[in-house]
Amino acid sequence: MDAPGQQRVFVDFKPAAREEGLTLGVDVPAPGDYQPQALPARRGLPRSTVTPSTSVVTWSRATRRG
């Protein structure tokens, strides 16, 4: 890992017995001298859109500078 602090790891997979895939996530501590910093201001992107039949989530990558 390139920076100290909490990192999040995701894995996507589709078990043979299921029609839909699954996503698992876990927080992993990265060693080092971590100094929390505020995230940059949001750039006006929508967070999510949810309807009874579908959901769409828009996300952006947060970067750390150390």
C-alpha atoms as a PDB file:
ATOM      1  CA  MET A   1       0.000   0.000   0.000  1.00  0.00           C
ATOM      2  CA  ASP A   2       1.316   3.391  -0.905  1.00  0.00           C
ATOM      3  CA  ALA A   3       0.029   5.424   2.075  1.00  0.00           C
ATOM      4  CA  PRO A   4      -0.537   4.831   5.800  1.00  0.00           C
ATOM      5  CA  GLY A   5      -4.078   4.748   7.217  1.00  0.00           C
ATOM      6  CA  GLN A   6      -7.239   2.825   6.435  1.00  0.00           C
ATOM      7  CA  GLN A   7      -7.548   1.303   2.984  1.00  0.00           C
ATOM      8  CA  ARG A   8     -10.638  -0.443   1.610  1.00  0.00           C
ATOM      9  CA  VAL A   9     -10.397  -3.655  -0.406  1.00  0.00           C
ATOM     10  CA  PHE A  10     -13.250  -4.978  -2.582  1.00  0.00           C
ATOM     11  CA  VAL A  11     -13.694  -8.318  -4.297  1.00  0.00           C
ATOM     12  CA  ASP A  12     -16.402  -9.136  -6.870  1.00  0.00           C
ATOM     13  CA  PHE A  13     -17.353 -12.730  -7.571  1.00  0.00           C
ATOM     14  CA  LYS A  14     -20.235 -14.876  -8.797  1.00  0.00           C
ATOM     15  CA  PRO A  15     -20.830 -18.183  -7.017  1.00  0.00           C
ATOM     16  CA  ALA A  16     -21.955 -21.002  -9.318  1.00  0.00           C
ATOM     17  CA  ALA A  17     -25.178 -21.483  -7.317  1.00  0.00           C
ATOM     18  CA  ARG A  18     -26.309 -17.834  -7.724  1.00  0.00           C
ATOM     19  CA  GLU A  19     -27.612 -15.855 -10.671  1.00  0.00           C
ATOM     20  CA  GLU A  20     -26.276 -12.547  -9.334  1.00  0.00           C
ATOM     21  CA  GLY A  21     -22.738 -11.691  -8.325  1.00  0.00           C
ATOM     22  CA  LEU A  22     -21.611 -10.574  -4.876  1.00  0.00           C
ATOM     23  CA  THR A  23     -19.243  -7.860  -3.693  1.00  0.00           C
ATOM     24  CA  LEU A  24     -17.408  -8.096  -0.384  1.00  0.00           C
ATOM     25  CA  GLY A  25     -15.414  -5.272   1.203  1.00  0.00           C
ATOM     26  CA  VAL A  26     -13.111  -4.950   4.178  1.00  0.00           C
ATOM     27  CA  ASP A  27     -11.083  -2.141   5.773  1.00  0.00           C
ATOM     28  CA  VAL A  28      -7.369  -2.901   6.021  1.00  0.00           C
ATOM     29  CA  PRO A  29      -5.038  -0.805   8.201  1.00  0.00           C
ATOM     30  CA  ALA A  30      -1.822   0.220   6.429  1.00  0.00           C
ATOM     31  CA  PRO A  31       1.075   0.862   8.828  1.00  0.00           C
ATOM     32  CA  GLY A  32       2.793   4.201   9.126  1.00  0.00           C
ATOM     33  CA  ASP A  33       2.359   7.705  10.512  1.00  0.00           C
ATOM     34  CA  TYR A  34      -1.211   8.420   9.444  1.00  0.00           C
ATOM     35  CA  GLN A  35      -2.398  12.036   9.639  1.00  0.00           C
ATOM     36  CA  PRO A  36      -6.123  12.377   8.782  1.00  0.00           C
ATOM     37  CA  GLN A  37      -6.967  15.051   6.198  1.00  0.00           C
ATOM     38  CA  ALA A  38     -10.250  16.452   4.932  1.00  0.00           C
ATOM     39  CA  LEU A  39     -11.463  15.198   1.553  1.00  0.00           C
ATOM     40  CA  PRO A  40     -11.578  17.714  -1.307  1.00  0.00           C
ATOM     41  CA  ALA A  41     -14.887  19.467  -2.014  1.00  0.00           C
ATOM     42  CA  ARG A  42     -17.480  17.488  -3.941  1.00  0.00           C
ATOM     43  CA  ARG A  43     -17.597  18.314  -7.654  1.00  0.00           C
ATOM     44  CA  GLY A  44     -21.361  18.194  -8.143  1.00  0.00           C
ATOM     45  CA  LEU A  45     -21.592  14.517  -9.111  1.00  0.00           C
ATOM     46  CA  PRO A  46     -24.807  12.725  -8.135  1.00  0.00           C
ATOM     47  CA  ARG A  47     -24.372  10.282  -5.281  1.00  0.00           C
ATOM     48  CA  SER A  48     -26.949   7.683  -6.284  1.00  0.00           C
ATOM     49  CA  THR A  49     -30.191   7.059  -8.117  1.00  0.00           C
ATOM     50  CA  VAL A  50     -32.500   4.312  -6.882  1.00  0.00           C
ATOM     51  CA  THR A  51     -35.705   3.040  -8.478  1.00  0.00           C
ATOM     52  CA  PRO A  52     -37.747  -0.092  -7.612  1.00  0.00           C
ATOM     53  CA  SER A  53     -36.060  -2.111 -10.369  1.00  0.00           C
ATOM     54  CA  THR A  54     -32.513  -0.755 -10.454  1.00  0.00           C
ATOM     55  CA  SER A  55     -29.952   1.246  -8.559  1.00  0.00           C
ATOM     56  CA  VAL A  56     -27.056   3.244  -9.951  1.00  0.00           C
ATOM     57  CA  VAL A  57     -24.314   4.585  -7.725  1.00  0.00           C
ATOM     58  CA  THR A  58     -21.864   7.179  -8.976  1.00  0.00           C
ATOM     59  CA  TRP A  59     -18.580   7.345  -7.100  1.00  0.00           C
ATOM     60  CA  SER A  60     -15.280   9.081  -7.436  1.00  0.00           C
ATOM     61  CA  ARG A  61     -11.826   7.982  -6.346  1.00  0.00           C
ATOM     62  CA  ALA A  62     -10.533   9.674  -3.230  1.00  0.00           C
ATOM     63  CA  THR A  63      -6.786  10.159  -3.310  1.00  0.00           C
ATOM     64  CA  ARG A  64      -4.361  10.706  -0.479  1.00  0.00           C
ATOM     65  CA  ARG A  65      -1.337  12.902  -0.619  1.00  0.00           C
ATOM     66  CA  GLY A  66       1.267  12.329   2.019  1.00  0.00           C
END
